[in-house]
Protein backbone atom coordinates (compact mmCIF):
# COMPACT_ATOMS: atom_id res chain seq x y z
CA MET A 1 72.59 -5.22 -24.08
CA SER A 2 73.99 -8.23 -22.37
CA GLU A 3 77.17 -6.27 -21.58
CA LYS A 4 75.11 -3.64 -19.79
CA PHE A 5 73.26 -6.34 -17.90
CA GLU A 6 76.50 -8.05 -16.92
CA GLY A 7 77.93 -4.71 -15.77
CA LYS A 8 74.90 -4.16 -13.60
CA LEU A 9 75.18 -7.70 -12.29
CA ASN A 10 78.86 -7.15 -11.46
CA ILE A 11 78.03 -3.87 -9.74
CA ALA A 12 75.26 -5.54 -7.77
CA THR A 13 77.55 -8.43 -6.80
CA HIS A 14 80.30 -5.99 -5.87
CA SER A 15 77.80 -3.95 -3.81
CA ASP A 16 76.72 -7.10 -1.96
CA THR A 17 80.36 -7.92 -1.25
CA VAL A 18 80.99 -4.40 0.05
CA ILE A 19 77.91 -4.60 2.25
CA GLU A 20 78.98 -8.00 3.62
CA GLN A 21 82.48 -6.68 4.32
CA SER A 22 81.02 -3.60 6.01
CA MET A 23 78.79 -5.78 8.15
CA ARG A 24 81.72 -7.99 9.12
CA SER A 25 83.80 -4.90 9.81
CA GLY A 26 80.98 -3.52 11.95
CA MET A 27 80.84 -6.79 13.86
CA ASN A 28 84.62 -6.60 14.36
CA VAL A 29 84.28 -3.03 15.62
CA ALA A 30 81.49 -4.10 17.98
CA ALA A 31 83.61 -7.01 19.21
CA GLY A 32 86.55 -4.62 19.69
CA ILE A 33 84.35 -2.23 21.66
CA ASP A 34 83.09 -5.09 23.82
CA ASN A 35 86.66 -6.24 24.38
CA MET A 36 87.77 -2.72 25.36
CA ARG A 37 84.78 -2.38 27.70
CA GLN A 38 85.61 -5.70 29.36
CA GLN A 39 89.27 -4.71 29.80
CA TYR A 40 88.20 -1.40 31.34
CA MET A 41 85.81 -3.16 33.72
CA ASP A 42 88.52 -5.66 34.71
CA ARG A 43 90.96 -2.83 35.51
CA ALA A 44 88.26 -0.92 37.39
CA ASN A 45 87.35 -3.99 39.46
CA ARG A 46 91.03 -4.55 40.35
CA ARG A 47 91.30 -0.91 41.48
CA ILE A 48 88.11 -1.23 43.51
CA GLU A 49 89.45 -4.34 45.25
CA MET A 50 92.75 -2.60 45.97
CA TYR A 51 90.95 0.41 47.46
CA ARG A 52 88.57 -1.85 49.36
CA ASP A 53 91.52 -3.63 50.99
CA ASN A 54 93.20 -0.30 51.83
CA GLU A 55 89.99 1.12 53.27
CA GLN A 56 89.39 -2.02 55.32
CA GLN A 57 92.91 -1.79 56.78
CA TYR A 58 92.35 1.89 57.57
CA LEU A 59 88.99 1.09 59.18
CA ASP A 60 90.51 -1.71 61.26
CA GLY A 61 93.25 0.65 62.46
CA MET A 62 90.75 3.35 63.38
CA LEU A 63 88.54 0.87 65.26
CA LYS A 64 91.56 -0.44 67.16
CA GLU A 65 92.51 3.12 68.11
CA ILE A 66 88.95 3.85 69.27
CA ASP A 67 88.89 0.64 71.31
CA GLU A 68 92.20 1.59 72.96
CA ARG A 69 90.94 5.09 73.81
CA THR A 70 87.65 3.71 75.12
CA GLU A 71 89.46 1.18 77.28
CA ASP A 72 91.72 3.94 78.63
CA GLN A 73 88.69 6.10 79.47
CA ILE A 74 86.99 3.19 81.23
CA VAL A 75 90.11 2.55 83.32
CA ARG A 76 90.30 6.25 84.30
CA LEU A 77 86.57 6.38 85.15
CA LYS A 78 86.84 3.27 87.33
CA ALA A 79 89.85 4.75 89.11
CA ALA A 80 88.00 8.03 89.67
CA PHE A 81 84.95 6.15 90.94
CA ASN A 82 87.04 4.03 93.34
CA GLU A 83 88.81 7.14 94.63
CA ASN A 84 85.81 9.48 94.85
CA SER A 85 82.68 7.34 95.21
CA ASP A 86 82.29 7.90 98.95
CA LYS A 87 82.70 11.66 98.55
CA TRP A 88 80.22 11.77 95.64
CA ILE A 89 77.66 9.75 97.57
CA ASN A 90 78.04 11.99 100.64
CA ASP A 91 77.76 15.14 98.48
CA ILE A 92 74.60 13.85 96.77
CA PHE A 93 73.09 12.77 100.11
CA SER A 94 73.92 16.12 101.73
CA SER A 95 72.42 18.00 98.78
CA ILE A 96 69.18 16.02 99.05
CA ILE A 97 68.91 16.39 102.84
CA SER A 98 69.63 20.13 102.81
CA GLY A 99 67.19 20.77 99.96
CA ASN A 100 69.73 22.43 97.65
């Protein structure tokens, strides 16, 4: 009977070893998954920064273009005002006086 008991003891010990190895393996898998997740996040953050820089440069260019167009429009409006202000004032005054 002692042989049967020893066999069961060996099986139990072997089972405990297998369970411990499985647990360690599971921890290694979890660590590997965490490592892969971190690498993915690092790559994603680098891409985001690259796109952020590109988008900021594009935005700066667009704002500069808008500022240039706005400045050009202001210059043209001032020129039109300087050239036509007397006529516009007279036309408005005449329209008010005549009741049109």
